[in-house]
PDB file of N, CA and C in Angstrom:
ATOM      1  N   ALA A   1      10.433  13.681 -15.017  1.00  0.00           N
ATOM      2  CA  ALA A   1      10.028  14.355 -16.229  1.00  0.00           C
ATOM      3  C   ALA A   1      10.939  13.997 -17.393  1.00  0.00           C
ATOM      4  N   GLN A   2      12.096  13.423 -17.101  1.00  0.00           N
ATOM      5  CA  GLN A   2      13.040  13.094 -18.167  1.00  0.00           C
ATOM      6  C   GLN A   2      12.427  12.151 -19.182  1.00  0.00           C
ATOM      7  N   THR A   3      11.607  11.235 -18.716  1.00  0.00           N
ATOM      8  CA  THR A   3      10.993  10.277 -19.639  1.00  0.00           C
ATOM      9  C   THR A   3       9.986  10.947 -20.568  1.00  0.00           C
ATOM     10  N   GLU A   4       9.492  12.115 -20.191  1.00  0.00           N
ATOM     11  CA  GLU A   4       8.515  12.850 -21.003  1.00  0.00           C
ATOM     12  C   GLU A   4       9.122  14.098 -21.627  1.00  0.00           C
ATOM     13  N   SER A   5      10.431  14.182 -21.673  1.00  0.00           N
ATOM     14  CA  SER A   5      11.089  15.413 -22.132  1.00  0.00           C
ATOM     15  C   SER A   5      10.726  15.764 -23.569  1.00  0.00           C
ATOM     16  N   GLU A   6      10.626  14.777 -24.426  1.00  0.00           N
ATOM     17  CA  GLU A   6      10.282  15.053 -25.823  1.00  0.00           C
ATOM     18  C   GLU A   6       8.889  15.682 -25.927  1.00  0.00           C
ATOM     19  N   GLU A   7       7.926  15.112 -25.205  1.00  0.00           N
ATOM     20  CA  GLU A   7       6.566  15.652 -25.226  1.00  0.00           C
ATOM     21  C   GLU A   7       6.527  17.065 -24.652  1.00  0.00           C
ATOM     22  N   LEU A   8       7.245  17.318 -23.553  1.00  0.00           N
ATOM     23  CA  LEU A   8       7.267  18.645 -22.959  1.00  0.00           C
ATOM     24  C   LEU A   8       7.887  19.678 -23.900  1.00  0.00           C
ATOM     25  N   PHE A   9       8.898  19.235 -24.667  1.00  0.00           N
ATOM     26  CA  PHE A   9       9.520  20.160 -25.606  1.00  0.00           C
ATOM     27  C   PHE A   9       8.573  20.494 -26.746  1.00  0.00           C
ATOM     28  N   TYR A  10       7.941  19.467 -27.335  1.00  0.00           N
ATOM     29  CA  TYR A  10       7.053  19.715 -28.473  1.00  0.00           C
ATOM     30  C   TYR A  10       5.774  20.444 -28.068  1.00  0.00           C
ATOM     31  N   THR A  11       5.246  20.152 -26.886  1.00  0.00           N
ATOM     32  CA  THR A  11       3.987  20.758 -26.467  1.00  0.00           C
ATOM     33  C   THR A  11       4.184  22.161 -25.900  1.00  0.00           C
ATOM     34  N   TYR A  12       5.194  22.319 -25.021  1.00  0.00           N
ATOM     35  CA  TYR A  12       5.361  23.586 -24.303  1.00  0.00           C
ATOM     36  C   TYR A  12       6.661  24.315 -24.627  1.00  0.00           C
ATOM     37  N   ASN A  13       7.459  23.742 -25.523  1.00  0.00           N
ATOM     38  CA  ASN A  13       8.760  24.295 -25.875  1.00  0.00           C
ATOM     39  C   ASN A  13       9.655  24.447 -24.637  1.00  0.00           C
ATOM     40  N   LEU A  14       9.598  23.424 -23.773  1.00  0.00           N
ATOM     41  CA  LEU A  14      10.385  23.414 -22.536  1.00  0.00           C
ATOM     42  C   LEU A  14      11.445  22.319 -22.599  1.00  0.00           C
ATOM     43  N   ASN A  15      12.645  22.656 -22.175  1.00  0.00           N
ATOM     44  CA  ASN A  15      13.700  21.659 -22.040  1.00  0.00           C
ATOM     45  C   ASN A  15      13.637  21.052 -20.645  1.00  0.00           C
ATOM     46  N   VAL A  16      14.080  19.826 -20.524  1.00  0.00           N
ATOM     47  CA  VAL A  16      14.097  19.130 -19.242  1.00  0.00           C
ATOM     48  C   VAL A  16      15.544  18.807 -18.909  1.00  0.00           C
ATOM     49  N   ILE A  17      15.923  19.109 -17.683  1.00  0.00           N
ATOM     50  CA  ILE A  17      17.251  18.724 -17.212  1.00  0.00           C
ATOM     51  C   ILE A  17      17.093  17.786 -16.022  1.00  0.00           C
ATOM     52  N   THR A  18      18.049  16.935 -15.818  1.00  0.00           N
ATOM     53  CA  THR A  18      18.043  16.016 -14.686  1.00  0.00           C
ATOM     54  C   THR A  18      18.869  16.614 -13.564  1.00  0.00           C
ATOM     55  N   VAL A  19      18.263  16.748 -12.399  1.00  0.00           N
ATOM     56  CA  VAL A  19      18.960  17.272 -11.223  1.00  0.00           C
ATOM     57  C   VAL A  19      19.344  16.073 -10.364  1.00  0.00           C
ATOM     58  N   PRO A  20      20.630  15.903 -10.091  1.00  0.00           N
ATOM     59  CA  PRO A  20      21.034  14.745  -9.286  1.00  0.00           C
ATOM     60  C   PRO A  20      20.479  14.834  -7.867  1.00  0.00           C
ATOM     61  N   THR A  21      20.227  13.678  -7.284  1.00  0.00           N
ATOM     62  CA  THR A  21      19.703  13.628  -5.923  1.00  0.00           C
ATOM     63  C   THR A  21      20.806  13.920  -4.918  1.00  0.00           C
ATOM     64  N   HIS A  22      20.378  14.379  -3.751  1.00  0.00           N
ATOM     65  CA  HIS A  22      21.325  14.673  -2.672  1.00  0.00           C
ATOM     66  C   HIS A  22      21.892  13.381  -2.086  1.00  0.00           C
ATOM     67  N   ARG A  23      21.045  12.375  -2.007  1.00  0.00           N
ATOM     68  CA  ARG A  23      21.443  11.073  -1.452  1.00  0.00           C
ATOM     69  C   ARG A  23      21.132   9.980  -2.456  1.00  0.00           C
ATOM     70  N   PRO A  24      21.818   8.853  -2.336  1.00  0.00           N
ATOM     71  CA  PRO A  24      21.509   7.742  -3.247  1.00  0.00           C
ATOM     72  C   PRO A  24      20.075   7.244  -3.039  1.00  0.00           C
ATOM     73  N   ASN A  25      19.458   6.806  -4.108  1.00  0.00           N
ATOM     74  CA  ASN A  25      18.109   6.255  -4.044  1.00  0.00           C
ATOM     75  C   ASN A  25      18.153   4.870  -3.403  1.00  0.00           C
ATOM     76  N   LEU A  26      17.387   4.669  -2.335  1.00  0.00           N
ATOM     77  CA  LEU A  26      17.361   3.384  -1.632  1.00  0.00           C
ATOM     78  C   LEU A  26      16.252   2.462  -2.127  1.00  0.00           C
ATOM     79  N   ARG A  27      15.359   3.001  -2.966  1.00  0.00           N
ATOM     80  CA  ARG A  27      14.228   2.209  -3.445  1.00  0.00           C
ATOM     81  C   ARG A  27      14.712   1.074  -4.336  1.00  0.00           C
ATOM     82  N   VAL A  28      14.114  -0.084  -4.146  1.00  0.00           N
ATOM     83  CA  VAL A  28      14.413  -1.233  -4.984  1.00  0.00           C
ATOM     84  C   VAL A  28      13.190  -1.482  -5.859  1.00  0.00           C
ATOM     85  N   ASP A  29      13.340  -1.330  -7.157  1.00  0.00           N
ATOM     86  CA  ASP A  29      12.244  -1.598  -8.082  1.00  0.00           C
ATOM     87  C   ASP A  29      12.224  -3.078  -8.399  1.00  0.00           C
ATOM     88  N   ARG A  30      11.112  -3.695  -8.115  1.00  0.00           N
ATOM     89  CA  ARG A  30      10.956  -5.133  -8.374  1.00  0.00           C
ATOM     90  C   ARG A  30      10.083  -5.325  -9.597  1.00  0.00           C
ATOM     91  N   PRO A  31      10.183  -6.495 -10.226  1.00  0.00           N
ATOM     92  CA  PRO A  31       9.337  -6.730 -11.402  1.00  0.00           C
ATOM     93  C   PRO A  31       7.857  -6.767 -11.011  1.00  0.00           C
ATOM     94  N   HIS A  32       7.012  -6.462 -11.975  1.00  0.00           N
ATOM     95  CA  HIS A  32       5.571  -6.500 -11.738  1.00  0.00           C
ATOM     96  C   HIS A  32       5.129  -7.926 -11.441  1.00  0.00           C
ATOM     97  N   ALA A  33       4.154  -8.060 -10.564  1.00  0.00           N
ATOM     98  CA  ALA A  33       3.588  -9.374 -10.247  1.00  0.00           C
ATOM     99  C   ALA A  33       2.246  -9.487 -10.960  1.00  0.00           C
ATOM    100  N   MET A  34       2.025 -10.614 -11.592  1.00  0.00           N
ATOM    101  CA  MET A  34       0.769 -10.857 -12.301  1.00  0.00           C
ATOM    102  C   MET A  34       0.033 -11.995 -11.595  1.00  0.00           C
ATOM    103  N   PHE A  35      -1.280 -11.852 -11.456  1.00  0.00           N
ATOM    104  CA  PHE A  35      -2.083 -12.850 -10.758  1.00  0.00           C
ATOM    105  C   PHE A  35      -3.238 -13.283 -11.649  1.00  0.00           C
ATOM    106  N   ARG A  36      -3.614 -14.549 -11.527  1.00  0.00           N
ATOM    107  CA  ARG A  36      -4.704 -15.085 -12.341  1.00  0.00           C
ATOM    108  C   ARG A  36      -6.072 -14.632 -11.844  1.00  0.00           C
ATOM    109  N   SER A  37      -6.169 -14.308 -10.565  1.00  0.00           N
ATOM    110  CA  SER A  37      -7.468 -13.912 -10.027  1.00  0.00           C
ATOM    111  C   SER A  37      -7.270 -12.805  -8.994  1.00  0.00           C
ATOM    112  N   ALA A  38      -8.361 -12.087  -8.734  1.00  0.00           N
ATOM    113  CA  ALA A  38      -8.317 -11.008  -7.747  1.00  0.00           C
ATOM    114  C   ALA A  38      -8.053 -11.557  -6.350  1.00  0.00           C
ATOM    115  N   SER A  39      -8.635 -12.696  -6.027  1.00  0.00           N
ATOM    116  CA  SER A  39      -8.434 -13.249  -4.686  1.00  0.00           C
ATOM    117  C   SER A  39      -6.976 -13.624  -4.456  1.00  0.00           C
ATOM    118  N   THR A  40      -6.316 -14.148  -5.479  1.00  0.00           N
ATOM    119  CA  THR A  40      -4.892 -14.468  -5.358  1.00  0.00           C
ATOM    120  C   THR A  40      -4.081 -13.195  -5.127  1.00  0.00           C
ATOM    121  N   ARG A  41      -4.439 -12.125  -5.846  1.00  0.00           N
ATOM    122  CA  ARG A  41      -3.743 -10.846  -5.690  1.00  0.00           C
ATOM    123  C   ARG A  41      -3.927 -10.304  -4.277  1.00  0.00           C
ATOM    124  N   TRP A  42      -5.169 -10.323  -3.763  1.00  0.00           N
ATOM    125  CA  TRP A  42      -5.413  -9.782  -2.428  1.00  0.00           C
ATOM    126  C   TRP A  42      -4.756 -10.632  -1.354  1.00  0.00           C
ATOM    127  N   ASN A  43      -4.668 -11.937  -1.563  1.00  0.00           N
ATOM    128  CA  ASN A  43      -3.934 -12.790  -0.607  1.00  0.00           C
ATOM    129  C   ASN A  43      -2.454 -12.422  -0.598  1.00  0.00           C
ATOM    130  N   ALA A  44      -1.895 -12.103  -1.762  1.00  0.00           N
ATOM    131  CA  ALA A  44      -0.493 -11.681  -1.831  1.00  0.00           C
ATOM    132  C   ALA A  44      -0.302 -10.344  -1.114  1.00  0.00           C
ATOM    133  N   VAL A  45      -1.255  -9.441  -1.251  1.00  0.00           N
ATOM    134  CA  VAL A  45      -1.191  -8.159  -0.540  1.00  0.00           C
ATOM    135  C   VAL A  45      -1.237  -8.410   0.962  1.00  0.00           C
ATOM    136  N   ALA A  46      -2.129  -9.291   1.398  1.00  0.00           N
ATOM    137  CA  ALA A  46      -2.226  -9.614   2.826  1.00  0.00           C
ATOM    138  C   ALA A  46      -0.913 -10.218   3.329  1.00  0.00           C
ATOM    139  N   ASP A  47      -0.293 -11.105   2.547  1.00  0.00           N
ATOM    140  CA  ASP A  47       0.996 -11.684   2.923  1.00  0.00           C
ATOM    141  C   ASP A  47       2.046 -10.590   3.109  1.00  0.00           C
ATOM    142  N   LEU A  48       2.060  -9.624   2.200  1.00  0.00           N
ATOM    143  CA  LEU A  48       3.032  -8.537   2.286  1.00  0.00           C
ATOM    144  C   LEU A  48       2.770  -7.664   3.513  1.00  0.00           C
ATOM    145  N   VAL A  49       1.510  -7.381   3.807  1.00  0.00           N
ATOM    146  CA  VAL A  49       1.166  -6.587   4.991  1.00  0.00           C
ATOM    147  C   VAL A  49       1.618  -7.308   6.252  1.00  0.00           C
ATOM    148  N   VAL A  50       1.383  -8.611   6.325  1.00  0.00           N
ATOM    149  CA  VAL A  50       1.796  -9.388   7.496  1.00  0.00           C
ATOM    150  C   VAL A  50       3.314  -9.384   7.626  1.00  0.00           C
ATOM    151  N   SER A  51       4.013  -9.534   6.525  1.00  0.00           N
ATOM    152  CA  SER A  51       5.475  -9.510   6.554  1.00  0.00           C
ATOM    153  C   SER A  51       5.987  -8.178   7.105  1.00  0.00           C
ATOM    154  N   CYS A  52       5.403  -7.084   6.644  1.00  0.00           N
ATOM    155  CA  CYS A  52       5.812  -5.758   7.138  1.00  0.00           C
ATOM    156  C   CYS A  52       5.454  -5.595   8.616  1.00  0.00           C
ATOM    157  N   HIS A  53       4.267  -6.059   8.998  1.00  0.00           N
ATOM    158  CA  HIS A  53       3.846  -5.963  10.399  1.00  0.00           C
ATOM    159  C   HIS A  53       4.800  -6.757  11.290  1.00  0.00           C
ATOM    160  N   TRP A  54       5.180  -7.934  10.846  1.00  0.00           N
ATOM    161  CA  TRP A  54       6.087  -8.801  11.604  1.00  0.00           C
ATOM    162  C   TRP A  54       7.423  -8.090  11.824  1.00  0.00           C
ATOM    163  N   GLU A  55       7.856  -7.286  10.839  1.00  0.00           N
ATOM    164  CA  GLU A  55       9.121  -6.551  10.949  1.00  0.00           C
ATOM    165  C   GLU A  55       8.963  -5.234  11.705  1.00  0.00           C
ATOM    166  N   GLY A  56       7.717  -4.890  12.079  1.00  0.00           N
ATOM    167  CA  GLY A  56       7.474  -3.654  12.793  1.00  0.00           C
ATOM    168  C   GLY A  56       7.373  -2.430  11.899  1.00  0.00           C
ATOM    169  N   ARG A  57       7.152  -2.650  10.604  1.00  0.00           N
ATOM    170  CA  ARG A  57       7.048  -1.548   9.650  1.00  0.00           C
ATOM    171  C   ARG A  57       5.588  -1.201   9.410  1.00  0.00           C
ATOM    172  N   PRO A  58       5.225   0.062   9.487  1.00  0.00           N
ATOM    173  CA  PRO A  58       3.838   0.455   9.181  1.00  0.00           C
ATOM    174  C   PRO A  58       3.584   0.363   7.683  1.00  0.00           C
ATOM    175  N   VAL A  59       2.340   0.118   7.322  1.00  0.00           N
ATOM    176  CA  VAL A  59       1.973  -0.048   5.916  1.00  0.00           C
ATOM    177  C   VAL A  59       0.709   0.753   5.635  1.00  0.00           C
ATOM    178  N   LEU A  60       0.695   1.439   4.510  1.00  0.00           N
ATOM    179  CA  LEU A  60      -0.511   2.102   4.033  1.00  0.00           C
ATOM    180  C   LEU A  60      -0.881   1.462   2.708  1.00  0.00           C
ATOM    181  N   VAL A  61      -2.069   0.871   2.637  1.00  0.00           N
ATOM    182  CA  VAL A  61      -2.521   0.201   1.422  1.00  0.00           C
ATOM    183  C   VAL A  61      -3.665   1.001   0.830  1.00  0.00           C
ATOM    184  N   GLY A  62      -3.534   1.378  -0.417  1.00  0.00           N
ATOM    185  CA  GLY A  62      -4.603   2.064  -1.130  1.00  0.00           C
ATOM    186  C   GLY A  62      -5.321   1.083  -2.038  1.00  0.00           C
ATOM    187  N   THR A  63      -6.628   1.202  -2.102  1.00  0.00           N
ATOM    188  CA  THR A  63      -7.412   0.347  -2.991  1.00  0.00           C
ATOM    189  C   THR A  63      -8.225   1.222  -3.931  1.00  0.00           C
ATOM    190  N   THR A  64      -8.771   0.598  -4.964  1.00  0.00           N
ATOM    191  CA  THR A  64      -9.523   1.351  -5.962  1.00  0.00           C
ATOM    192  C   THR A  64     -10.998   1.475  -5.640  1.00  0.00           C
ATOM    193  N   SER A  65     -11.456   0.788  -4.591  1.00  0.00           N
ATOM    194  CA  SER A  65     -12.881   0.879  -4.243  1.00  0.00           C
ATOM    195  C   SER A  65     -13.087   0.562  -2.765  1.00  0.00           C
ATOM    196  N   VAL A  66     -14.236   0.980  -2.260  1.00  0.00           N
ATOM    197  CA  VAL A  66     -14.612   0.672  -0.882  1.00  0.00           C
ATOM    198  C   VAL A  66     -14.713  -0.843  -0.710  1.00  0.00           C
ATOM    199  N   GLU A  67     -15.286  -1.512  -1.700  1.00  0.00           N
ATOM    200  CA  GLU A  67     -15.449  -2.967  -1.618  1.00  0.00           C
ATOM    201  C   GLU A  67     -14.103  -3.669  -1.503  1.00  0.00           C
ATOM    202  N   ASN A  68     -13.110  -3.211  -2.281  1.00  0.00           N
ATOM    203  CA  ASN A  68     -11.775  -3.817  -2.195  1.00  0.00           C
ATOM    204  C   ASN A  68     -11.149  -3.586  -0.826  1.00  0.00           C
ATOM    205  N   SER A  69     -11.318  -2.392  -0.276  1.00  0.00           N
ATOM    206  CA  SER A  69     -10.738  -2.118   1.039  1.00  0.00           C
ATOM    207  C   SER A  69     -11.398  -2.986   2.103  1.00  0.00           C
ATOM    208  N   GLU A  70     -12.706  -3.176   1.999  1.00  0.00           N
ATOM    209  CA  GLU A  70     -13.402  -4.020   2.977  1.00  0.00           C
ATOM    210  C   GLU A  70     -13.019  -5.496   2.809  1.00  0.00           C
ATOM    211  N   TYR A  71     -12.781  -5.925   1.576  1.00  0.00           N
ATOM    212  CA  TYR A  71     -12.349  -7.304   1.337  1.00  0.00           C
ATOM    213  C   TYR A  71     -10.960  -7.533   1.942  1.00  0.00           C
ATOM    214  N   LEU A  72     -10.047  -6.593   1.721  1.00  0.00           N
ATOM    215  CA  LEU A  72      -8.706  -6.719   2.301  1.00  0.00           C
ATOM    216  C   LEU A  72      -8.769  -6.683   3.819  1.00  0.00           C
ATOM    217  N   SER A  73      -9.616  -5.837   4.382  1.00  0.00           N
ATOM    218  CA  SER A  73      -9.784  -5.783   5.833  1.00  0.00           C
ATOM    219  C   SER A  73     -10.272  -7.125   6.367  1.00  0.00           C
ATOM    220  N   MET A  74     -11.211  -7.749   5.652  1.00  0.00           N
ATOM    221  CA  MET A  74     -11.708  -9.065   6.064  1.00  0.00           C
ATOM    222  C   MET A  74     -10.584 -10.102   6.014  1.00  0.00           C
ATOM    223  N   LEU A  75      -9.777 -10.067   4.938  1.00  0.00           N
ATOM    224  CA  LEU A  75      -8.650 -11.008   4.842  1.00  0.00           C
ATOM    225  C   LEU A  75      -7.678 -10.824   6.003  1.00  0.00           C
ATOM    226  N   LEU A  76      -7.366  -9.563   6.321  1.00  0.00           N
ATOM    227  CA  LEU A  76      -6.429  -9.299   7.411  1.00  0.00           C
ATOM    228  C   LEU A  76      -7.011  -9.720   8.758  1.00  0.00           C
ATOM    229  N   SER A  77      -8.307  -9.562   8.942  1.00  0.00           N
ATOM    230  CA  SER A  77      -8.952  -9.952  10.200  1.00  0.00           C
ATOM    231  C   SER A  77      -8.921 -11.468  10.392  1.00  0.00           C
ATOM    232  N   GLU A  78      -8.974 -12.218   9.293  1.00  0.00           N
ATOM    233  CA  GLU A  78      -9.007 -13.680   9.365  1.00  0.00           C
ATOM    234  C   GLU A  78      -7.643 -14.326   9.141  1.00  0.00           C
ATOM    235  N   TYR A  79      -6.609 -13.528   8.924  1.00  0.00           N
ATOM    236  CA  TYR A  79      -5.283 -14.048   8.596  1.00  0.00           C
ATOM    237  C   TYR A  79      -4.665 -14.743   9.805  1.00  0.00           C
ATOM    238  N   ARG A  80      -4.177 -15.952   9.602  1.00  0.00           N
ATOM    239  CA  ARG A  80      -3.504 -16.706  10.667  1.00  0.00           C
ATOM    240  C   ARG A  80      -2.002 -16.659  10.410  1.00  0.00           C
ATOM    241  N   TRP A  81      -1.258 -16.230  11.432  1.00  0.00           N
ATOM    242  CA  TRP A  81       0.178 -16.100  11.286  1.00  0.00           C
ATOM    243  C   TRP A  81       0.869 -16.384  12.604  1.00  0.00           C
ATOM    244  N   GLU A  82       2.194 -16.460  12.571  1.00  0.00           N
ATOM    245  CA  GLU A  82       2.970 -16.777  13.762  1.00  0.00           C
ATOM    246  C   GLU A  82       3.773 -15.554  14.180  1.00  0.00           C
ATOM    247  N   SER A  83       3.639 -15.172  15.454  1.00  0.00           N
ATOM    248  CA  SER A  83       4.363 -14.002  15.955  1.00  0.00           C
ATOM    249  C   SER A  83       5.835 -14.351  16.170  1.00  0.00           C
ATOM    250  N   GLN A  84       6.624 -13.329  16.483  1.00  0.00           N
ATOM    251  CA  GLN A  84       8.061 -13.546  16.662  1.00  0.00           C
ATOM    252  C   GLN A  84       8.368 -14.456  17.840  1.00  0.00           C
ATOM    253  N   ASP A  85       7.469 -14.488  18.832  1.00  0.00           N
ATOM    254  CA  ASP A  85       7.706 -15.379  19.975  1.00  0.00           C
ATOM    255  C   ASP A  85       7.103 -16.766  19.754  1.00  0.00           C
ATOM    256  N   GLY A  86       6.624 -17.043  18.551  1.00  0.00           N
ATOM    257  CA  GLY A  86       6.147 -18.379  18.207  1.00  0.00           C
ATOM    258  C   GLY A  86       4.664 -18.621  18.440  1.00  0.00           C
ATOM    259  N   ARG A  87       3.933 -17.637  18.935  1.00  0.00           N
ATOM    260  CA  ARG A  87       2.504 -17.820  19.167  1.00  0.00           C
ATOM    261  C   ARG A  87       1.740 -17.776  17.853  1.00  0.00           C
ATOM    262  N   LYS A  88       0.702 -18.583  17.757  1.00  0.00           N
ATOM    263  CA  LYS A  88      -0.203 -18.533  16.616  1.00  0.00           C
ATOM    264  C   LYS A  88      -1.179 -17.386  16.843  1.00  0.00           C
ATOM    265  N   VAL A  89      -1.329 -16.521  15.849  1.00  0.00           N
ATOM    266  CA  VAL A  89      -2.149 -15.322  15.989  1.00  0.00           C
ATOM    267  C   VAL A  89      -3.216 -15.319  14.898  1.00  0.00           C
ATOM    268  N   LEU A  90      -4.421 -14.940  15.285  1.00  0.00           N
ATOM    269  CA  LEU A  90      -5.502 -14.763  14.320  1.00  0.00           C
ATOM    270  C   LEU A  90      -5.746 -13.273  14.142  1.00  0.00           C
ATOM    271  N   GLY A  91      -5.602 -12.799  12.931  1.00  0.00           N
ATOM    272  CA  GLY A  91      -5.868 -11.407  12.621  1.00  0.00           C
ATOM    273  C   GLY A  91      -4.641 -10.524  12.694  1.00  0.00           C
ATOM    274  N   VAL A  92      -4.587  -9.575  11.793  1.00  0.00           N
ATOM    275  CA  VAL A  92      -3.506  -8.606  11.746  1.00  0.00           C
ATOM    276  C   VAL A  92      -4.086  -7.257  12.176  1.00  0.00           C
ATOM    277  N   PRO A  93      -3.485  -6.589  13.172  1.00  0.00           N
ATOM    278  CA  PRO A  93      -4.006  -5.282  13.588  1.00  0.00           C
ATOM    279  C   PRO A  93      -3.955  -4.302  12.411  1.00  0.00           C
ATOM    280  N   HIS A  94      -5.082  -3.661  12.145  1.00  0.00           N
ATOM    281  CA  HIS A  94      -5.133  -2.690  11.054  1.00  0.00           C
ATOM    282  C   HIS A  94      -6.293  -1.726  11.267  1.00  0.00           C
ATOM    283  N   LYS A  95      -6.232  -0.615  10.568  1.00  0.00           N
ATOM    284  CA  LYS A  95      -7.299   0.393  10.585  1.00  0.00           C
ATOM    285  C   LYS A  95      -7.834   0.508   9.170  1.00  0.00           C
ATOM    286  N   LEU A  96      -9.152   0.532   9.045  1.00  0.00           N
ATOM    287  CA  LEU A  96      -9.792   0.641   7.739  1.00  0.00           C
ATOM    288  C   LEU A  96     -10.321   2.053   7.544  1.00  0.00           C
ATOM    289  N   LEU A  97      -9.854   2.703   6.482  1.00  0.00           N
ATOM    290  CA  LEU A  97     -10.357   4.021   6.115  1.00  0.00           C
ATOM    291  C   LEU A  97     -10.975   3.899   4.729  1.00  0.00           C
ATOM    292  N   ASN A  98     -12.234   4.246   4.597  1.00  0.00           N
ATOM    293  CA  ASN A  98     -12.865   4.289   3.281  1.00  0.00           C
ATOM    294  C   ASN A  98     -13.972   5.329   3.276  1.00  0.00           C
ATOM    295  N   ALA A  99     -14.718   5.390   2.244  1.00  0.00           N
ATOM    296  CA  ALA A  99     -15.666   6.491   2.056  1.00  0.00           C
ATOM    297  C   ALA A  99     -17.060   6.220   2.609  1.00  0.00           C
ATOM    298  N   ARG A 100     -17.189   5.345   3.556  1.00  0.00           N
ATOM    299  CA  ARG A 100     -18.506   5.079   4.138  1.00  0.00           C
ATOM    300  C   ARG A 100     -18.884   6.231   5.072  1.00  0.00           C
ATOM    301  N   PRO A 101     -20.012   6.902   4.811  1.00  0.00           N
ATOM    302  CA  PRO A 101     -20.401   8.061   5.637  1.00  0.00           C
ATOM    303  C   PRO A 101     -20.590   7.726   7.115  1.00  0.00           C
ATOM    304  N   ASN A 102     -21.057   6.520   7.415  1.00  0.00           N
ATOM    305  CA  ASN A 102     -21.301   6.162   8.813  1.00  0.00           C
ATOM    306  C   ASN A 102     -19.998   5.954   9.596  1.00  0.00           C
ATOM    307  N   LEU A 103     -18.855   5.908   8.913  1.00  0.00           N
ATOM    308  CA  LEU A 103     -17.569   5.719   9.590  1.00  0.00           C
ATOM    309  C   LEU A 103     -16.728   7.002   9.621  1.00  0.00           C
ATOM    310  N   ALA A 104     -17.304   8.109   9.195  1.00  0.00           N
ATOM    311  CA  ALA A 104     -16.535   9.349   9.058  1.00  0.00           C
ATOM    312  C   ALA A 104     -15.908   9.800  10.385  1.00  0.00           C
ATOM    313  N   ALA A 105     -16.647   9.746  11.475  1.00  0.00           N
ATOM    314  CA  ALA A 105     -16.120  10.193  12.768  1.00  0.00           C
ATOM    315  C   ALA A 105     -14.972   9.312  13.221  1.00  0.00           C
ATOM    316  N   LYS A 106     -15.118   8.000  13.041  1.00  0.00           N
ATOM    317  CA  LYS A 106     -14.049   7.069  13.415  1.00  0.00           C
ATOM    318  C   LYS A 106     -12.815   7.307  12.568  1.00  0.00           C
ATOM    319  N   GLU A 107     -12.996   7.554  11.273  1.00  0.00           N
ATOM    320  CA  GLU A 107     -11.873   7.821  10.385  1.00  0.00           C
ATOM    321  C   GLU A 107     -11.157   9.095  10.776  1.00  0.00           C
ATOM    322  N   ALA A 108     -11.893  10.128  11.131  1.00  0.00           N
ATOM    323  CA  ALA A 108     -11.284  11.389  11.560  1.00  0.00           C
ATOM    324  C   ALA A 108     -10.416  11.164  12.803  1.00  0.00           C
ATOM    325  N   GLU A 109     -10.877  10.323  13.723  1.00  0.00           N
ATOM    326  CA  GLU A 109     -10.103  10.012  14.920  1.00  0.00           C
ATOM    327  C   GLU A 109      -8.816   9.258  14.555  1.00  0.00           C
ATOM    328  N   ILE A 110      -8.908   8.312  13.628  1.00  0.00           N
ATOM    329  CA  ILE A 110      -7.736   7.539  13.198  1.00  0.00           C
ATOM    330  C   ILE A 110      -6.704   8.463  12.554  1.00  0.00           C
ATOM    331  N   VAL A 111      -7.169   9.357  11.687  1.00  0.00           N
ATOM    332  CA  VAL A 111      -6.265  10.286  11.016  1.00  0.00           C
ATOM    333  C   VAL A 111      -5.624  11.219  12.032  1.00  0.00           C
ATOM    334  N   ALA A 112      -6.369  11.674  13.011  1.00  0.00           N
ATOM    335  CA  ALA A 112      -5.830  12.557  14.038  1.00  0.00           C
ATOM    336  C   ALA A 112      -4.725  11.859  14.836  1.00  0.00           C
ATOM    337  N   GLN A 113      -4.869  10.548  15.086  1.00  0.00           N
ATOM    338  CA  GLN A 113      -3.859   9.805  15.834  1.00  0.00           C
ATOM    339  C   GLN A 113      -2.595   9.568  15.003  1.00  0.00           C
ATOM    340  N   ALA A 114      -2.757   9.513  13.701  1.00  0.00           N
ATOM    341  CA  ALA A 114      -1.604   9.262  12.820  1.00  0.00           C
ATOM    342  C   ALA A 114      -0.687  10.466  12.846  1.00  0.00           C
TER     343      ALA A 114
END
């Protein structure tokens, strides 16, 4: 809220104070990435998902539409990568959650397992 303190003061007559965190912030803010096309952007997202999967880190990817989520799912299903033991692998294990009514029961099961 510190970045909006002036607006909060003028609109609501509220002061903003900064409360220090209990622990140091571990987040690393990286510069924004710009892409010439949507396909290039989604390929970069797929690369990042594979990198996290390779390290054993879970990933949650949000998209702005059902079509985008299905496109990313298709990219991940067709992604060719090398496992830690050197095997060539086709496809990245993932679960697709979107607003398709015919998938509601499957999505509920996935959420329950999470």
